[in-house]
Every structure is written in C-alpha cells, then in structure tokens.
Amino acid sequence: MNNPKYQLFKGGNTEFYFRLNAVNGQIILASEGYTTKAACLNGIESVKINAPYDERYDRREANNGQYYFVLQAANHQVIGMSEMYTTAAARENGIKAVMRDAPIGPVEDVS
C-alpha cells in the first residue's frame, strides 16, 4: 500500500497541477492549473486546511448522471475536484477519503 500523498506536476500547457492520491493509489482530488509552482503549493495548503470541513464540499451530479464533488475554500473558490462516481454513496466515500488523507499527505514533486 502507498501512503496518501499529493503529486505536484507540470502539465503540457506549462501550468502546474496537483492530485491527491489515496492510500490505495487512486486519485481522489485534482486541481485546476496554476501559473507558478508556488501558487500550486499554496493550493495544496488550502486543501489541507479546508478538507476536514464537510461544508466545504459541494456535492454535484453531472449531466450523464454520475456524481462528483468540488472542494471549496472558505471564500467559495474551487481548490479541487473529484473523479466521477457511479453512486452518491461512492461520492460520500470519496469525500471521507479526502477528509482523512488531505491534511496529512506529503507533497511529491514529479514535475
């Protein structure tokens, strides 16, 4: 088993991104693009701070009937989005995993 961790990487468009991997290696949260590595690291810190609070999760349903969530900062700015889930219960399990893993995950720079 892997430890939960953030992976920071540079996309093909030269922006920086992070993803949070759960203990099982699955990606449970992904960021939008950041123009600098420092801004991306700030995004990770924001996830660590906001992840424990249930009210920061916006539970959504996609047009195709799948479920996902968006993690927001206190100012309602989006700081991460989940993968798609086939059921609302699976989405709730994803939220629990982020709440559990995000505050303790180390950062691995793979850029």
Protein backbone atom coordinates (compact mmCIF):
# COMPACT_ATOMS: atom_id res chain seq x y z
CA MET A 1 0.00 0.00 0.00
CA ASN A 2 1.05 3.55 -0.65
CA ASN A 3 0.79 6.42 1.75
CA PRO A 4 -1.66 9.16 0.81
CA LYS A 5 0.22 11.91 -0.99
CA TYR A 6 -0.04 14.91 -3.22
CA GLN A 7 1.71 14.78 -6.56
CA LEU A 8 2.71 18.14 -7.99
CA PHE A 9 3.36 18.13 -11.73
CA LYS A 10 3.65 20.37 -14.77
CA GLY A 11 1.08 19.90 -17.49
CA GLY A 12 1.70 20.06 -21.22
CA ASN A 13 0.40 23.63 -21.21
CA THR A 14 3.21 24.72 -18.81
CA GLU A 15 0.80 25.13 -15.89
CA PHE A 16 1.30 23.36 -12.55
CA TYR A 17 -1.25 20.94 -11.13
CA PHE A 18 -1.62 18.68 -8.13
CA ARG A 19 -3.52 15.50 -7.49
CA LEU A 20 -4.20 13.84 -4.16
CA ASN A 21 -3.75 10.08 -4.15
CA ALA A 22 -5.47 7.96 -1.51
CA VAL A 23 -3.77 5.14 0.39
CA ASN A 24 -4.79 2.74 -2.41
CA GLY A 25 -3.13 4.95 -5.05
CA GLN A 26 -6.42 6.18 -6.54
CA ILE A 27 -6.63 9.88 -7.41
CA ILE A 28 -9.29 11.35 -5.13
CA LEU A 29 -8.84 15.07 -5.82
CA ALA A 30 -7.33 17.04 -8.70
CA SER A 31 -6.56 20.73 -9.08
CA GLU A 32 -7.07 23.29 -11.78
CA GLY A 33 -3.97 24.76 -13.40
CA TYR A 34 -1.69 27.23 -11.63
CA THR A 35 0.72 29.57 -13.39
CA THR A 36 3.52 29.04 -10.85
CA LYS A 37 4.75 26.21 -8.66
CA ALA A 38 4.42 28.47 -5.60
CA ALA A 39 0.74 29.08 -6.38
CA CYS A 40 0.22 25.33 -6.78
CA LEU A 41 1.84 24.69 -3.39
CA ASN A 42 -0.47 27.32 -1.89
CA GLY A 43 -3.39 25.39 -3.42
CA ILE A 44 -2.22 22.21 -1.68
CA GLU A 45 -2.00 24.08 1.63
CA SER A 46 -5.55 25.34 1.08
CA VAL A 47 -6.75 21.77 0.54
CA LYS A 48 -5.03 20.67 3.77
CA ILE A 49 -6.76 23.49 5.67
CA ASN A 50 -10.24 23.12 4.14
CA ALA A 51 -10.53 19.34 3.66
CA PRO A 52 -11.68 18.50 7.22
CA TYR A 53 -14.83 20.65 6.92
CA ASP A 54 -17.87 18.93 5.41
CA GLU A 55 -19.49 22.25 4.48
CA ARG A 56 -16.60 22.96 2.07
CA TYR A 57 -17.70 20.08 -0.21
CA ASP A 58 -20.14 20.96 -2.97
CA ARG A 59 -21.83 17.70 -3.95
CA ARG A 60 -22.80 17.69 -7.62
CA GLU A 61 -24.34 15.48 -10.28
CA ALA A 62 -23.01 15.56 -13.84
CA ASN A 63 -25.24 15.68 -16.91
CA ASN A 64 -24.51 11.99 -17.51
CA GLY A 65 -25.92 11.03 -14.09
CA GLN A 66 -22.57 10.45 -12.42
CA TYR A 67 -21.67 12.06 -9.11
CA TYR A 68 -18.70 14.18 -8.10
CA PHE A 69 -17.71 16.85 -5.61
CA VAL A 70 -15.84 20.11 -5.59
CA LEU A 71 -13.78 21.20 -2.60
CA GLN A 72 -14.02 24.92 -1.98
CA ALA A 73 -12.09 27.32 0.23
CA ALA A 74 -13.91 29.45 2.80
CA ASN A 75 -14.27 32.16 0.12
CA HIS A 76 -16.01 29.60 -2.17
CA GLN A 77 -13.06 29.44 -4.58
CA VAL A 78 -12.68 25.95 -6.09
CA ILE A 79 -9.48 24.27 -4.94
CA GLY A 80 -10.06 20.73 -6.16
CA MET A 81 -12.44 18.40 -7.96
CA SER A 82 -13.05 14.70 -7.54
CA GLU A 83 -13.22 11.91 -10.05
CA MET A 84 -16.64 10.76 -11.24
CA TYR A 85 -18.56 8.23 -9.16
CA THR A 86 -21.43 5.99 -10.23
CA THR A 87 -23.38 6.44 -6.97
CA ALA A 88 -23.92 9.14 -4.39
CA ALA A 89 -22.69 6.70 -1.72
CA ALA A 90 -19.39 6.24 -3.58
CA ARG A 91 -19.06 10.03 -3.77
CA GLU A 92 -19.51 10.21 0.02
CA ASN A 93 -16.75 7.62 0.44
CA GLY A 94 -14.54 9.82 -1.76
CA ILE A 95 -15.26 12.83 0.44
CA LYS A 96 -14.41 10.81 3.56
CA ALA A 97 -11.11 9.76 1.96
CA VAL A 98 -10.20 13.39 1.18
CA MET A 99 -11.17 14.46 4.70
CA ARG A 100 -8.94 11.71 6.12
CA ASP A 101 -5.96 11.88 3.74
CA ALA A 102 -5.65 15.52 2.65
CA PRO A 103 -4.46 17.01 5.95
CA ILE A 104 -1.61 14.51 6.34
CA GLY A 105 -0.45 13.90 2.77
CA PRO A 106 3.13 14.83 1.93
CA VAL A 107 3.96 16.50 -1.39
CA GLU A 108 5.88 14.64 -4.07
CA ASP A 109 7.16 16.87 -6.88
CA VAL A 110 7.04 14.86 -10.10
CA SER A 111 7.31 17.84 -12.49
